[in-house]
Amino acid sequence: MIELDPKSIFKLKKSVAYILYVLMIVMIISGLGINYHRTMEFITAGILSKGLSFNIHVWIFIPLVLVFALHTILPALKPKIKQ
């Protein structure tokens, strides 16, 4: 079993939280791009079309689920207290 010090666990939790935050923002924006494609095309100057939004939304789903699972599992990692 791998032993991690509290500092590295904290850094890992923080990194996973930031990655999850970014993935959630991208998921929300791509979902809005699917439903409100004309508005999102106008806001993004035509960069985010309905097709691109759908592809981003589909491709980011699995990484989002995996990072979310990691985010929920990480609090169970507690450093062992040496006696």
N, C-alpha and C. Protein backbone atom coordinates (compact mmCIF):
# COMPACT_ATOMS: atom_id res chain seq x y z
N MET A 1 0.83 -1.18 0.00
CA MET A 1 0.00 0.00 0.00
C MET A 1 0.88 1.25 0.00
N ILE A 2 0.47 2.22 -0.76
CA ILE A 2 1.24 3.46 -0.88
C ILE A 2 0.89 4.38 0.28
N GLU A 3 1.91 4.84 0.95
CA GLU A 3 1.69 5.80 2.04
C GLU A 3 1.98 7.20 1.52
N LEU A 4 1.03 8.08 1.74
CA LEU A 4 1.17 9.46 1.31
C LEU A 4 1.20 10.36 2.52
N ASP A 5 2.01 11.38 2.45
CA ASP A 5 2.04 12.33 3.54
C ASP A 5 0.85 13.29 3.41
N PRO A 6 0.45 13.93 4.50
CA PRO A 6 -0.73 14.80 4.47
C PRO A 6 -0.62 15.94 3.45
N LYS A 7 0.59 16.44 3.22
CA LYS A 7 0.76 17.53 2.26
C LYS A 7 0.43 17.09 0.84
N SER A 8 0.89 15.90 0.46
CA SER A 8 0.63 15.42 -0.90
C SER A 8 -0.85 15.06 -1.08
N ILE A 9 -1.48 14.54 -0.04
CA ILE A 9 -2.92 14.24 -0.12
C ILE A 9 -3.70 15.54 -0.30
N PHE A 10 -3.32 16.57 0.44
CA PHE A 10 -3.99 17.87 0.33
C PHE A 10 -3.82 18.44 -1.07
N LYS A 11 -2.62 18.36 -1.63
CA LYS A 11 -2.37 18.86 -2.98
C LYS A 11 -3.17 18.07 -4.01
N LEU A 12 -3.27 16.77 -3.83
CA LEU A 12 -4.03 15.93 -4.74
C LEU A 12 -5.51 16.29 -4.69
N LYS A 13 -6.04 16.45 -3.47
CA LYS A 13 -7.45 16.83 -3.33
C LYS A 13 -7.73 18.18 -3.97
N LYS A 14 -6.82 19.11 -3.78
CA LYS A 14 -6.99 20.45 -4.35
C LYS A 14 -6.94 20.40 -5.87
N SER A 15 -6.02 19.65 -6.42
CA SER A 15 -5.91 19.53 -7.88
C SER A 15 -7.15 18.88 -8.48
N VAL A 16 -7.64 17.83 -7.85
CA VAL A 16 -8.84 17.15 -8.34
C VAL A 16 -10.04 18.09 -8.26
N ALA A 17 -10.13 18.88 -7.21
CA ALA A 17 -11.24 19.83 -7.08
C ALA A 17 -11.20 20.87 -8.20
N TYR A 18 -10.02 21.38 -8.52
CA TYR A 18 -9.89 22.36 -9.60
C TYR A 18 -10.25 21.75 -10.95
N ILE A 19 -9.79 20.54 -11.20
CA ILE A 19 -10.10 19.86 -12.46
C ILE A 19 -11.60 19.62 -12.56
N LEU A 20 -12.21 19.18 -11.47
CA LEU A 20 -13.66 18.96 -11.47
C LEU A 20 -14.41 20.25 -11.73
N TYR A 21 -13.95 21.35 -11.15
CA TYR A 21 -14.58 22.65 -11.36
C TYR A 21 -14.54 23.04 -12.84
N VAL A 22 -13.39 22.88 -13.47
CA VAL A 22 -13.25 23.22 -14.88
C VAL A 22 -14.14 22.34 -15.75
N LEU A 23 -14.15 21.03 -15.46
CA LEU A 23 -14.99 20.12 -16.24
C LEU A 23 -16.47 20.46 -16.09
N MET A 24 -16.89 20.84 -14.90
CA MET A 24 -18.30 21.20 -14.70
C MET A 24 -18.66 22.47 -15.47
N ILE A 25 -17.78 23.45 -15.48
CA ILE A 25 -18.03 24.69 -16.24
C ILE A 25 -18.14 24.38 -17.73
N VAL A 26 -17.21 23.55 -18.24
CA VAL A 26 -17.25 23.19 -19.66
C VAL A 26 -18.53 22.41 -19.97
N MET A 27 -18.95 21.53 -19.07
CA MET A 27 -20.16 20.74 -19.28
C MET A 27 -21.39 21.65 -19.32
N ILE A 28 -21.45 22.62 -18.43
CA ILE A 28 -22.58 23.54 -18.40
C ILE A 28 -22.62 24.40 -19.65
N ILE A 29 -21.47 24.94 -20.05
CA ILE A 29 -21.41 25.79 -21.24
C ILE A 29 -21.77 24.99 -22.50
N SER A 30 -21.27 23.76 -22.59
CA SER A 30 -21.61 22.96 -23.77
C SER A 30 -23.09 22.58 -23.76
N GLY A 31 -23.66 22.35 -22.59
CA GLY A 31 -25.10 22.06 -22.51
C GLY A 31 -25.93 23.26 -22.93
N LEU A 32 -25.49 24.44 -22.52
CA LEU A 32 -26.17 25.66 -22.97
C LEU A 32 -26.01 25.84 -24.47
N GLY A 33 -24.85 25.45 -24.99
CA GLY A 33 -24.62 25.53 -26.43
C GLY A 33 -25.50 24.60 -27.23
N ILE A 34 -25.95 23.51 -26.62
CA ILE A 34 -26.86 22.59 -27.30
C ILE A 34 -28.27 23.18 -27.27
N ASN A 35 -28.71 23.64 -26.11
CA ASN A 35 -30.09 24.11 -25.97
C ASN A 35 -30.31 25.52 -26.52
N TYR A 36 -29.36 26.39 -26.30
CA TYR A 36 -29.48 27.78 -26.74
C TYR A 36 -28.36 28.08 -27.74
N HIS A 37 -28.33 27.31 -28.82
CA HIS A 37 -27.21 27.39 -29.74
C HIS A 37 -27.08 28.74 -30.43
N ARG A 38 -28.18 29.38 -30.75
CA ARG A 38 -28.08 30.69 -31.42
C ARG A 38 -27.47 31.74 -30.48
N THR A 39 -27.88 31.73 -29.24
CA THR A 39 -27.34 32.69 -28.26
C THR A 39 -25.87 32.41 -28.00
N MET A 40 -25.51 31.14 -27.83
CA MET A 40 -24.12 30.81 -27.55
C MET A 40 -23.22 31.07 -28.76
N GLU A 41 -23.74 30.87 -29.96
CA GLU A 41 -22.96 31.22 -31.15
C GLU A 41 -22.71 32.72 -31.20
N PHE A 42 -23.71 33.50 -30.83
CA PHE A 42 -23.55 34.94 -30.82
C PHE A 42 -22.53 35.37 -29.76
N ILE A 43 -22.64 34.80 -28.56
CA ILE A 43 -21.74 35.16 -27.46
C ILE A 43 -20.30 34.78 -27.78
N THR A 44 -20.11 33.62 -28.38
CA THR A 44 -18.75 33.14 -28.67
C THR A 44 -18.28 33.50 -30.07
N ALA A 45 -18.98 34.38 -30.75
CA ALA A 45 -18.63 34.83 -32.11
C ALA A 45 -18.55 33.67 -33.09
N GLY A 46 -19.45 32.72 -32.97
CA GLY A 46 -19.54 31.61 -33.91
C GLY A 46 -18.61 30.45 -33.64
N ILE A 47 -17.81 30.53 -32.60
CA ILE A 47 -16.87 29.45 -32.30
C ILE A 47 -17.59 28.21 -31.77
N LEU A 48 -18.56 28.41 -30.90
CA LEU A 48 -19.25 27.29 -30.26
C LEU A 48 -20.58 27.04 -30.97
N SER A 49 -20.54 26.18 -31.97
CA SER A 49 -21.77 25.83 -32.70
C SER A 49 -22.51 24.72 -31.97
N LYS A 50 -23.70 24.40 -32.47
CA LYS A 50 -24.50 23.35 -31.83
C LYS A 50 -23.80 22.00 -31.94
N GLY A 51 -23.22 21.71 -33.08
CA GLY A 51 -22.52 20.43 -33.28
C GLY A 51 -21.29 20.29 -32.39
N LEU A 52 -20.50 21.37 -32.31
CA LEU A 52 -19.32 21.35 -31.46
C LEU A 52 -19.72 21.22 -29.99
N SER A 53 -20.77 21.92 -29.60
CA SER A 53 -21.25 21.83 -28.22
C SER A 53 -21.66 20.40 -27.88
N PHE A 54 -22.36 19.75 -28.81
CA PHE A 54 -22.79 18.37 -28.58
C PHE A 54 -21.59 17.45 -28.45
N ASN A 55 -20.59 17.61 -29.34
CA ASN A 55 -19.40 16.75 -29.28
C ASN A 55 -18.64 16.96 -27.97
N ILE A 56 -18.48 18.20 -27.56
CA ILE A 56 -17.80 18.47 -26.28
C ILE A 56 -18.57 17.84 -25.14
N HIS A 57 -19.89 17.99 -25.16
CA HIS A 57 -20.74 17.47 -24.10
C HIS A 57 -20.63 15.94 -24.00
N VAL A 58 -20.60 15.28 -25.14
CA VAL A 58 -20.50 13.81 -25.16
C VAL A 58 -19.11 13.35 -24.71
N TRP A 59 -18.06 13.99 -25.22
CA TRP A 59 -16.70 13.54 -24.95
C TRP A 59 -16.23 13.86 -23.54
N ILE A 60 -16.83 14.84 -22.90
CA ILE A 60 -16.37 15.23 -21.56
C ILE A 60 -17.12 14.48 -20.46
N PHE A 61 -18.15 13.72 -20.82
CA PHE A 61 -18.96 13.04 -19.82
C PHE A 61 -18.17 12.00 -19.02
N ILE A 62 -17.44 11.14 -19.69
CA ILE A 62 -16.69 10.08 -18.99
C ILE A 62 -15.59 10.67 -18.11
N PRO A 63 -14.77 11.61 -18.60
CA PRO A 63 -13.79 12.22 -17.68
C PRO A 63 -14.45 12.90 -16.48
N LEU A 64 -15.60 13.52 -16.69
CA LEU A 64 -16.31 14.15 -15.59
C LEU A 64 -16.73 13.13 -14.54
N VAL A 65 -17.26 12.01 -14.97
CA VAL A 65 -17.68 10.96 -14.04
C VAL A 65 -16.48 10.40 -13.29
N LEU A 66 -15.38 10.17 -13.99
CA LEU A 66 -14.18 9.62 -13.34
C LEU A 66 -13.59 10.59 -12.32
N VAL A 67 -13.50 11.86 -12.68
CA VAL A 67 -12.95 12.85 -11.75
C VAL A 67 -13.89 13.06 -10.57
N PHE A 68 -15.20 13.01 -10.82
CA PHE A 68 -16.16 13.13 -9.72
C PHE A 68 -16.03 11.94 -8.76
N ALA A 69 -15.86 10.74 -9.30
CA ALA A 69 -15.67 9.56 -8.45
C ALA A 69 -14.39 9.69 -7.63
N LEU A 70 -13.33 10.14 -8.25
CA LEU A 70 -12.07 10.36 -7.54
C LEU A 70 -12.24 11.41 -6.45
N HIS A 71 -12.99 12.45 -6.77
CA HIS A 71 -13.24 13.52 -5.81
C HIS A 71 -14.01 13.01 -4.58
N THR A 72 -14.91 12.07 -4.78
CA THR A 72 -15.67 11.54 -3.65
C THR A 72 -14.90 10.47 -2.88
N ILE A 73 -13.95 9.81 -3.53
CA ILE A 73 -13.16 8.77 -2.87
C ILE A 73 -12.01 9.35 -2.05
N LEU A 74 -11.46 10.47 -2.50
CA LEU A 74 -10.27 11.05 -1.85
C LEU A 74 -10.43 11.36 -0.37
N PRO A 75 -11.59 11.81 0.11
CA PRO A 75 -11.67 12.07 1.56
C PRO A 75 -11.45 10.82 2.42
N ALA A 76 -11.61 9.65 1.83
CA ALA A 76 -11.37 8.42 2.58
C ALA A 76 -9.88 8.18 2.79
N LEU A 77 -9.04 8.84 2.00
CA LEU A 77 -7.60 8.70 2.17
C LEU A 77 -7.14 9.56 3.34
N LYS A 78 -6.77 8.92 4.38
CA LYS A 78 -6.24 9.65 5.53
C LYS A 78 -4.88 9.06 5.84
N PRO A 79 -3.95 9.93 6.10
CA PRO A 79 -2.61 9.40 6.40
C PRO A 79 -2.62 8.57 7.70
N LYS A 80 -1.84 7.51 7.67
CA LYS A 80 -1.74 6.67 8.86
C LYS A 80 -0.94 7.38 9.93
N ILE A 81 -1.41 7.29 11.13
CA ILE A 81 -0.70 7.89 12.26
C ILE A 81 0.25 6.85 12.80
N LYS A 82 1.53 7.18 12.79
CA LYS A 82 2.53 6.23 13.28
C LYS A 82 2.60 6.31 14.79
N GLN A 83 2.59 5.16 15.41
CA GLN A 83 2.60 5.11 16.87
C GLN A 83 3.97 4.78 17.41
